[in-house]
Amino acid sequence: MISYWERQSLLQYNDIILGGGITGLSTAISLKERHPGRRIAVFERGILPTGASTRNAGFACIGSLTEILADLKTMPAADIVDLVALRKDGLCQLRERLGDERIGYRENGSYELLSAKEVSALEHIDEVNELLWPVLGMPAYLRADHKIRDFGFNTTALIENNCEGELHSGKMMRALIDLAIEKGIEIKTGCEVLAYDENAGGITITVQRQWMNESVRFQAQRLAICTNAFAKQLLPGEDITPGRGQVLVTHPIPTLPFKGVYHFDEGYYYFRELEGRILFGGGRNFDFEGETTTDFELSEQIQRQLEEKLRTIIIPDIPFTVDMRWSGIMAFGASKRPIVKQLSPQLFVAARMGGMGVAIGTAVAKQLAALMD
């Protein structure tokens, strides 16, 4: 049952954005900056952003050396340079928009651990640094083996990355939400979209109102789908494959000998110091088939893998206990480039962040907002 007042004043918007994560909120903010007079709403199906925006590791990254080398086997070098440029630009735009203090941005160092079977990557450091120099303006990767003993890692080699940092994902999302509200953008949580229907007057978005067991139809001139891996549910024809990322956080470790952010195994594993704890995530490559899912349930075998690598590689001589565990859902595809496009006069999409939503979400959102002019 819709009241007269609701029908008259509460169901019409210029733009509706689906997805209350980094890309969705950033798209709404960019649109409002370009068009202050537009009435804009963000619909989020969860009470909190559901996918990866509040469930990531807080890495502000451009990519590890072994990841870049793996990409060079399947992608043109020019495409890799473009992707790194997008990551760098996106991080710069995020920091400029919100400010380092508000998002807890720090540069405590970024490193990649290399196993014995990966040391051949060291032969390509100069080649990759030269490739990325036009974008980064400095050598991104340097040998840092002399730091292994101090950090306590069980690894063969260590590479320092000069172009990465870390941030507090919760503070970042809080800052995005606050900025959106400050600009007059409406954020509706618990708003599950069932369907949309394009028509001559714009687009109708049908939302489930659970507690009254009924659906509500909103009207908009434009609809943007920014739900990353979950965009596949509304756009089944798009090349979007979900990928679950699992994370654990230890209790505080008083003798923890390192700070900063770290990768290994082509970026499939990642860890960082977090207020005296270790946040450690990844392992998707251990079971690609099982982790190609939108199910948030944890996999016992992946969690065991993470704990084992903590014991044998990261802190082999330090006892630890696990405090928290969770998962997030990323989106991948045949291409590493995100999908940013107009599907019809009323319908737009920005999705498939490739596990780099923190880095590229702001830049992708600005591209989408420009399309929605």
Protein backbone atom coordinates (compact mmCIF):
# COMPACT_ATOMS: atom_id res chain seq x y z
CA MET A 1 0.00 0.00 0.00
CA ILE A 2 1.48 3.29 -1.14
CA SER A 3 0.04 6.50 0.26
CA TYR A 4 -0.85 9.56 -1.77
CA TRP A 5 2.02 11.47 -0.12
CA GLU A 6 4.56 8.78 -0.90
CA ARG A 7 3.46 8.57 -4.52
CA GLN A 8 3.57 12.36 -4.91
CA SER A 9 6.92 13.14 -3.26
CA LEU A 10 9.03 10.15 -2.25
CA LEU A 11 9.31 7.83 -5.24
CA GLN A 12 10.79 10.05 -7.99
CA TYR A 13 14.48 10.73 -8.65
CA ASN A 14 16.67 12.00 -11.42
CA ASP A 15 19.28 9.30 -10.77
CA ILE A 16 19.21 6.06 -8.79
CA ILE A 17 22.47 4.26 -8.09
CA LEU A 18 22.38 0.59 -7.09
CA GLY A 19 25.16 -0.30 -4.65
CA GLY A 20 26.25 1.52 -1.52
CA GLY A 21 29.93 0.60 -1.75
CA ILE A 22 32.92 2.58 -2.97
CA THR A 23 31.85 2.77 -6.61
CA GLY A 24 28.17 3.45 -5.98
CA LEU A 25 28.71 6.20 -3.40
CA SER A 26 31.52 7.72 -5.46
CA THR A 27 29.31 7.75 -8.56
CA ALA A 28 26.53 9.51 -6.66
CA ILE A 29 28.99 12.08 -5.28
CA SER A 30 30.54 12.70 -8.70
CA LEU A 31 27.08 13.13 -10.24
CA LYS A 32 26.07 15.59 -7.52
CA GLU A 33 29.26 17.57 -8.05
CA ARG A 34 28.50 17.81 -11.77
CA HIS A 35 24.75 18.44 -11.29
CA PRO A 36 23.97 19.91 -7.84
CA GLY A 37 20.27 20.27 -8.64
CA ARG A 38 19.62 16.60 -9.39
CA ARG A 39 17.75 14.42 -6.90
CA ILE A 40 19.95 11.35 -6.42
CA ALA A 41 19.47 8.20 -4.34
CA VAL A 42 21.73 5.26 -3.56
CA PHE A 43 20.01 1.91 -2.99
CA GLU A 44 21.92 -0.70 -0.95
CA ARG A 45 20.35 -4.11 -0.42
CA GLY A 46 22.15 -4.76 2.87
CA ILE A 47 22.11 -2.87 6.13
CA LEU A 48 25.81 -2.30 5.38
CA PRO A 49 27.49 -2.46 1.93
CA THR A 50 27.33 -6.14 1.11
CA GLY A 51 30.16 -6.98 -1.32
CA ALA A 52 33.79 -6.05 -0.72
CA SER A 53 33.94 -2.35 0.18
CA THR A 54 33.78 -2.92 3.94
CA ARG A 55 35.34 -6.39 3.78
CA ASN A 56 38.68 -5.79 2.08
CA ALA A 57 42.20 -5.53 3.48
CA GLY A 58 42.54 -1.76 3.03
CA PHE A 59 45.37 -1.98 0.48
CA ALA A 60 46.02 1.09 -1.66
CA CYS A 61 47.84 -0.88 -4.32
CA ILE A 62 48.97 -0.75 -7.94
CA GLY A 63 49.99 -4.42 -8.24
CA SER A 64 52.91 -6.59 -7.17
CA LEU A 65 55.87 -7.44 -9.42
CA THR A 66 54.85 -11.09 -9.92
CA GLU A 67 51.28 -10.01 -10.67
CA ILE A 68 52.50 -7.61 -13.37
CA LEU A 69 54.76 -10.33 -14.82
CA ALA A 70 51.85 -12.81 -14.87
CA ASP A 71 49.70 -10.23 -16.66
CA LEU A 72 52.41 -9.67 -19.28
CA LYS A 73 51.95 -13.31 -20.34
CA THR A 74 48.30 -12.73 -21.29
CA MET A 75 47.92 -8.98 -21.90
CA PRO A 76 49.58 -6.37 -24.14
CA ALA A 77 52.08 -4.24 -22.24
CA ALA A 78 50.15 -1.09 -23.17
CA ASP A 79 47.02 -2.45 -21.46
CA ILE A 80 48.96 -3.14 -18.27
CA VAL A 81 50.36 0.40 -18.29
CA ASP A 82 46.80 1.74 -18.69
CA LEU A 83 45.58 -0.37 -15.75
CA VAL A 84 48.39 0.80 -13.48
CA ALA A 85 47.63 4.39 -14.52
CA LEU A 86 43.97 3.86 -13.61
CA ARG A 87 44.96 2.48 -10.19
CA LYS A 88 47.32 5.36 -9.50
CA ASP A 89 44.82 8.00 -10.67
CA GLY A 90 42.00 6.40 -8.71
CA LEU A 91 44.00 6.42 -5.49
CA CYS A 92 45.02 10.04 -6.03
CA GLN A 93 41.39 11.03 -6.63
CA LEU A 94 40.22 9.14 -3.53
CA ARG A 95 42.82 10.84 -1.35
CA GLU A 96 42.09 14.27 -2.80
CA ARG A 97 38.35 13.86 -2.32
CA LEU A 98 38.39 12.60 1.27
CA GLY A 99 41.81 13.55 2.66
CA ASP A 100 44.41 11.17 4.08
CA GLU A 101 43.45 11.75 7.71
CA ARG A 102 39.78 10.89 7.16
CA ILE A 103 40.60 7.56 5.52
CA GLY A 104 43.57 6.63 7.70
CA TYR A 105 45.95 6.61 4.74
CA ARG A 106 49.55 5.72 5.61
CA GLU A 107 52.70 4.75 3.75
CA ASN A 108 54.45 2.36 6.13
CA GLY A 109 55.98 0.42 3.27
CA SER A 110 54.77 -2.17 0.77
CA TYR A 111 56.62 -5.37 0.01
CA GLU A 112 56.34 -8.65 -1.89
CA LEU A 113 57.72 -11.93 -0.55
CA LEU A 114 59.25 -14.23 -3.15
CA SER A 115 59.57 -17.98 -2.70
CA ALA A 116 62.50 -19.95 -4.14
CA LYS A 117 60.46 -20.87 -7.22
CA GLU A 118 59.70 -17.18 -7.91
CA VAL A 119 63.20 -15.68 -7.69
CA SER A 120 63.46 -15.55 -11.48
CA ALA A 121 61.11 -12.55 -11.22
CA LEU A 122 64.08 -10.57 -9.90
CA GLU A 123 65.62 -10.70 -13.37
CA HIS A 124 62.73 -8.58 -14.67
CA ILE A 125 62.68 -5.75 -12.13
CA ASP A 126 64.44 -3.27 -14.42
CA GLU A 127 62.21 -4.24 -17.34
CA VAL A 128 58.98 -3.68 -15.38
CA ASN A 129 60.27 -0.47 -13.78
CA GLU A 130 61.05 0.87 -17.24
CA LEU A 131 57.62 -0.16 -18.52
CA LEU A 132 55.81 1.66 -15.70
CA TRP A 133 58.11 4.70 -15.49
CA PRO A 134 55.89 6.92 -17.73
CA VAL A 135 53.02 6.41 -15.26
CA LEU A 136 54.84 6.31 -11.93
CA GLY A 137 57.82 8.57 -12.59
CA MET A 138 60.03 6.42 -10.35
CA PRO A 139 61.22 2.82 -10.09
CA ALA A 140 58.33 0.99 -8.45
CA TYR A 141 60.20 -2.18 -7.40
CA LEU A 142 63.51 -2.51 -5.55
CA ARG A 143 65.33 -5.44 -3.89
CA ALA A 144 64.96 -5.34 -0.10
CA ASP A 145 66.45 -8.68 1.03
CA HIS A 146 68.33 -6.93 3.83
CA LYS A 147 64.99 -6.41 5.66
CA ILE A 148 63.97 -10.08 5.74
CA ARG A 149 65.76 -10.88 9.01
CA ASP A 150 64.32 -7.86 10.84
CA PHE A 151 60.80 -8.66 9.64
CA GLY A 152 61.19 -12.33 10.59
CA PHE A 153 59.76 -13.77 7.36
CA ASN A 154 60.58 -17.23 6.05
CA THR A 155 61.13 -16.17 2.46
CA THR A 156 63.85 -16.29 -0.19
CA ALA A 157 63.70 -12.69 -1.42
CA LEU A 158 61.89 -9.45 -0.66
CA ILE A 159 60.87 -6.65 -3.04
CA GLU A 160 59.97 -3.17 -1.86
CA ASN A 161 57.20 -1.33 -3.72
CA ASN A 162 57.56 2.46 -3.62
CA CYS A 163 54.08 3.27 -4.92
CA GLU A 164 51.64 1.63 -2.49
CA GLY A 165 50.07 2.46 0.84
CA GLU A 166 47.35 1.39 3.25
CA LEU A 167 44.12 2.83 4.56
CA HIS A 168 41.34 2.15 7.06
CA SER A 169 38.44 0.79 5.00
CA GLY A 170 35.86 1.56 7.70
CA LYS A 171 36.97 5.20 7.94
CA MET A 172 36.98 5.47 4.15
CA MET A 173 33.40 4.21 3.88
CA ARG A 174 32.29 6.43 6.78
CA ALA A 175 33.83 9.43 5.00
CA LEU A 176 32.10 8.55 1.72
CA ILE A 177 28.74 8.15 3.46
CA ASP A 178 29.16 11.44 5.33
CA LEU A 179 30.14 13.29 2.15
CA ALA A 180 27.18 11.85 0.22
CA ILE A 181 24.75 12.91 2.97
CA GLU A 182 26.38 16.34 3.17
CA LYS A 183 25.76 16.80 -0.56
CA GLY A 184 22.08 15.89 -0.21
CA ILE A 185 22.25 12.37 -1.61
CA GLU A 186 19.72 9.94 -0.13
CA ILE A 187 21.02 6.54 0.97
CA LYS A 188 18.45 3.78 1.37
CA THR A 189 19.69 0.55 2.97
CA GLY A 190 17.86 -2.76 3.11
CA CYS A 191 16.68 -1.95 -0.40
CA GLU A 192 16.72 -5.11 -2.52
CA VAL A 193 16.00 -4.42 -6.18
CA LEU A 194 13.88 -7.11 -7.80
CA ALA A 195 13.73 -5.73 -11.33
CA TYR A 196 13.86 -2.64 -13.50
CA ASP A 197 11.79 -1.69 -16.52
CA GLU A 198 12.74 0.91 -19.11
CA ASN A 199 10.02 3.04 -20.63
CA ALA A 200 9.57 6.27 -22.52
CA GLY A 201 9.49 8.33 -19.33
CA GLY A 202 12.66 6.85 -17.86
CA ILE A 203 13.08 3.70 -15.81
CA THR A 204 11.03 1.98 -13.12
CA ILE A 205 12.90 0.22 -10.30
CA THR A 206 11.00 -2.36 -8.26
CA VAL A 207 12.19 -2.80 -4.68
CA GLN A 208 11.07 -5.36 -2.12
CA ARG A 209 9.69 -3.90 1.12
CA GLN A 210 10.18 -6.93 3.32
CA TRP A 211 8.36 -5.99 6.49
CA MET A 212 5.14 -5.20 4.61
CA ASN A 213 5.59 -8.09 2.18
CA GLU A 214 5.07 -5.87 -0.83
CA SER A 215 7.05 -4.24 -3.61
CA VAL A 216 7.56 -0.51 -4.17
CA ARG A 217 8.18 1.07 -7.58
CA PHE A 218 10.52 4.04 -7.86
CA GLN A 219 10.87 6.22 -10.96
CA ALA A 220 14.13 7.64 -12.26
CA GLN A 221 15.45 9.22 -15.41
CA ARG A 222 18.64 7.17 -15.15
CA LEU A 223 19.71 4.00 -13.33
CA ALA A 224 23.33 3.04 -12.64
CA ILE A 225 24.17 -0.50 -11.53
CA CYS A 226 27.29 -0.36 -9.34
CA THR A 227 27.03 -3.64 -7.45
CA ASN A 228 30.28 -5.17 -8.75
CA ALA A 229 30.03 -9.00 -8.62
CA PHE A 230 26.30 -8.83 -7.89
CA ALA A 231 25.67 -6.82 -11.06
CA LYS A 232 25.47 -10.18 -12.84
CA GLN A 233 22.10 -10.80 -11.19
CA LEU A 234 20.56 -7.81 -12.98
CA LEU A 235 22.79 -7.95 -16.08
CA PRO A 236 23.20 -11.66 -16.87
CA GLY A 237 24.82 -10.95 -20.25
CA GLU A 238 27.84 -9.16 -18.79
CA ASP A 239 31.21 -10.87 -18.35
CA ILE A 240 31.30 -10.82 -14.54
CA THR A 241 32.55 -13.70 -12.40
CA PRO A 242 32.44 -13.51 -8.59
CA GLY A 243 35.49 -14.30 -6.51
CA ARG A 244 35.34 -14.74 -2.75
CA GLY A 245 38.16 -13.28 -0.68
CA GLN A 246 38.60 -14.66 2.83
CA VAL A 247 40.28 -12.75 5.64
CA LEU A 248 41.34 -13.33 9.22
CA VAL A 249 42.68 -10.99 11.90
CA THR A 250 44.80 -12.13 14.81
CA HIS A 251 44.62 -10.90 18.37
CA PRO A 252 47.31 -8.28 19.13
CA ILE A 253 50.87 -9.65 18.93
CA PRO A 254 53.14 -7.63 21.25
CA THR A 255 56.38 -8.66 19.50
CA LEU A 256 55.18 -8.13 15.92
CA PRO A 257 58.34 -7.03 14.06
CA PHE A 258 56.88 -5.28 10.99
CA LYS A 259 54.47 -2.63 9.75
CA GLY A 260 53.11 -1.90 6.30
CA VAL A 261 51.42 -4.05 3.65
CA TYR A 262 52.68 -7.21 1.95
CA HIS A 263 51.83 -9.53 -0.94
CA PHE A 264 52.99 -12.91 -2.15
CA ASP A 265 52.08 -15.52 -4.77
CA GLU A 266 51.14 -13.04 -7.54
CA GLY A 267 49.05 -11.02 -5.09
CA TYR A 268 46.75 -13.93 -4.26
CA TYR A 269 47.86 -13.64 -0.62
CA TYR A 270 48.12 -10.33 1.21
CA PHE A 271 48.73 -9.26 4.79
CA ARG A 272 49.35 -6.14 6.85
CA GLU A 273 50.01 -4.94 10.34
CA LEU A 274 46.83 -3.50 11.83
CA GLU A 275 47.06 -1.91 15.29
CA GLY A 276 49.50 -4.58 16.44
CA ARG A 277 47.55 -7.39 14.78
CA ILE A 278 48.03 -9.20 11.48
CA LEU A 279 45.25 -8.97 8.92
CA PHE A 280 45.80 -11.79 6.43
CA GLY A 281 43.67 -12.70 3.44
CA GLY A 282 43.54 -14.45 0.10
CA GLY A 283 44.05 -18.04 -1.00
CA ARG A 284 41.49 -17.90 -3.80
CA ASN A 285 44.00 -19.59 -6.12
CA PHE A 286 44.04 -22.63 -3.79
CA ASP A 287 40.48 -23.44 -4.90
CA PHE A 288 39.38 -21.28 -7.82
CA GLU A 289 36.23 -23.32 -8.44
CA GLY A 290 35.09 -23.24 -4.83
CA GLU A 291 35.85 -19.53 -4.43
CA THR A 292 33.94 -18.56 -7.59
CA THR A 293 30.82 -17.81 -5.58
CA THR A 294 28.66 -15.08 -4.07
CA ASP A 295 28.27 -17.14 -0.90
CA PHE A 296 29.83 -15.40 2.11
CA GLU A 297 30.29 -18.62 4.10
CA LEU A 298 33.92 -19.31 5.05
CA SER A 299 35.82 -22.26 3.61
CA GLU A 300 37.58 -24.31 6.28
CA GLN A 301 40.34 -25.37 3.90
CA ILE A 302 41.13 -21.77 2.91
CA GLN A 303 41.13 -20.69 6.55
CA ARG A 304 43.48 -23.56 7.39
CA GLN A 305 45.73 -22.45 4.52
CA LEU A 306 45.87 -18.92 5.88
CA GLU A 307 46.75 -20.10 9.38
CA GLU A 308 49.41 -22.46 8.03
CA LYS A 309 51.07 -19.70 6.01
CA LEU A 310 51.00 -17.44 9.05
CA ARG A 311 52.87 -20.12 11.01
CA THR A 312 55.37 -21.08 8.33
CA ILE A 313 56.02 -17.90 6.30
CA ILE A 314 54.90 -14.71 8.04
CA ILE A 315 55.57 -15.25 11.76
CA PRO A 316 57.28 -18.67 11.99
CA ASP A 317 58.64 -18.03 15.50
CA ILE A 318 55.73 -16.12 17.04
CA PRO A 319 52.57 -17.69 18.54
CA PHE A 320 49.21 -16.20 17.56
CA THR A 321 45.48 -16.68 17.97
CA VAL A 322 42.75 -15.63 15.54
CA ASP A 323 40.28 -12.98 16.69
CA MET A 324 38.03 -12.43 13.65
CA ARG A 325 37.25 -14.01 10.28
CA TRP A 326 35.12 -12.82 7.36
CA SER A 327 34.79 -12.87 3.58
CA GLY A 328 34.01 -10.42 0.81
CA ILE A 329 32.96 -10.90 -2.79
CA MET A 330 35.05 -9.43 -5.63
CA ALA A 331 34.34 -9.46 -9.37
CA PHE A 332 36.54 -10.64 -12.24
CA GLY A 333 36.22 -11.37 -15.94
CA ALA A 334 38.11 -12.26 -19.10
CA SER A 335 39.56 -8.75 -19.06
CA LYS A 336 41.14 -7.02 -16.07
CA ARG A 337 39.61 -3.73 -17.14
CA PRO A 338 36.46 -2.70 -15.28
CA ILE A 339 33.14 -2.48 -17.10
CA VAL A 340 32.09 1.17 -17.42
CA LYS A 341 29.45 1.77 -20.06
CA GLN A 342 26.02 2.99 -21.07
CA LEU A 343 23.66 0.16 -21.94
CA SER A 344 20.70 2.28 -23.07
CA PRO A 345 19.59 5.92 -22.78
CA GLN A 346 18.48 5.22 -19.18
CA LEU A 347 20.74 2.38 -18.03
CA PHE A 348 24.42 2.45 -17.03
CA VAL A 349 26.85 0.09 -15.32
CA ALA A 350 30.19 0.23 -13.48
CA ALA A 351 31.31 -3.16 -12.23
CA ARG A 352 34.06 -5.82 -12.29
CA MET A 353 36.68 -4.05 -10.19
CA GLY A 354 39.06 -7.03 -10.31
CA GLY A 355 39.86 -6.89 -6.61
CA MET A 356 41.10 -3.30 -7.01
CA GLY A 357 37.99 -1.42 -5.89
CA VAL A 358 39.86 0.73 -3.36
CA ALA A 359 42.35 1.80 -6.03
CA ILE A 360 40.08 2.33 -9.02
CA GLY A 361 36.59 2.89 -7.58
CA THR A 362 36.79 6.70 -7.50
CA ALA A 363 38.19 7.00 -11.03
CA VAL A 364 35.66 4.51 -12.43
CA ALA A 365 32.85 6.43 -10.72
CA LYS A 366 33.94 9.70 -12.31
CA GLN A 367 33.96 8.02 -15.72
CA LEU A 368 30.45 6.72 -15.15
CA ALA A 369 29.16 10.08 -13.91
CA ALA A 370 30.44 11.70 -17.09
CA LEU A 371 28.51 9.14 -19.16
CA MET A 372 25.34 9.96 -17.19
CA ASP A 373 25.37 13.68 -18.12
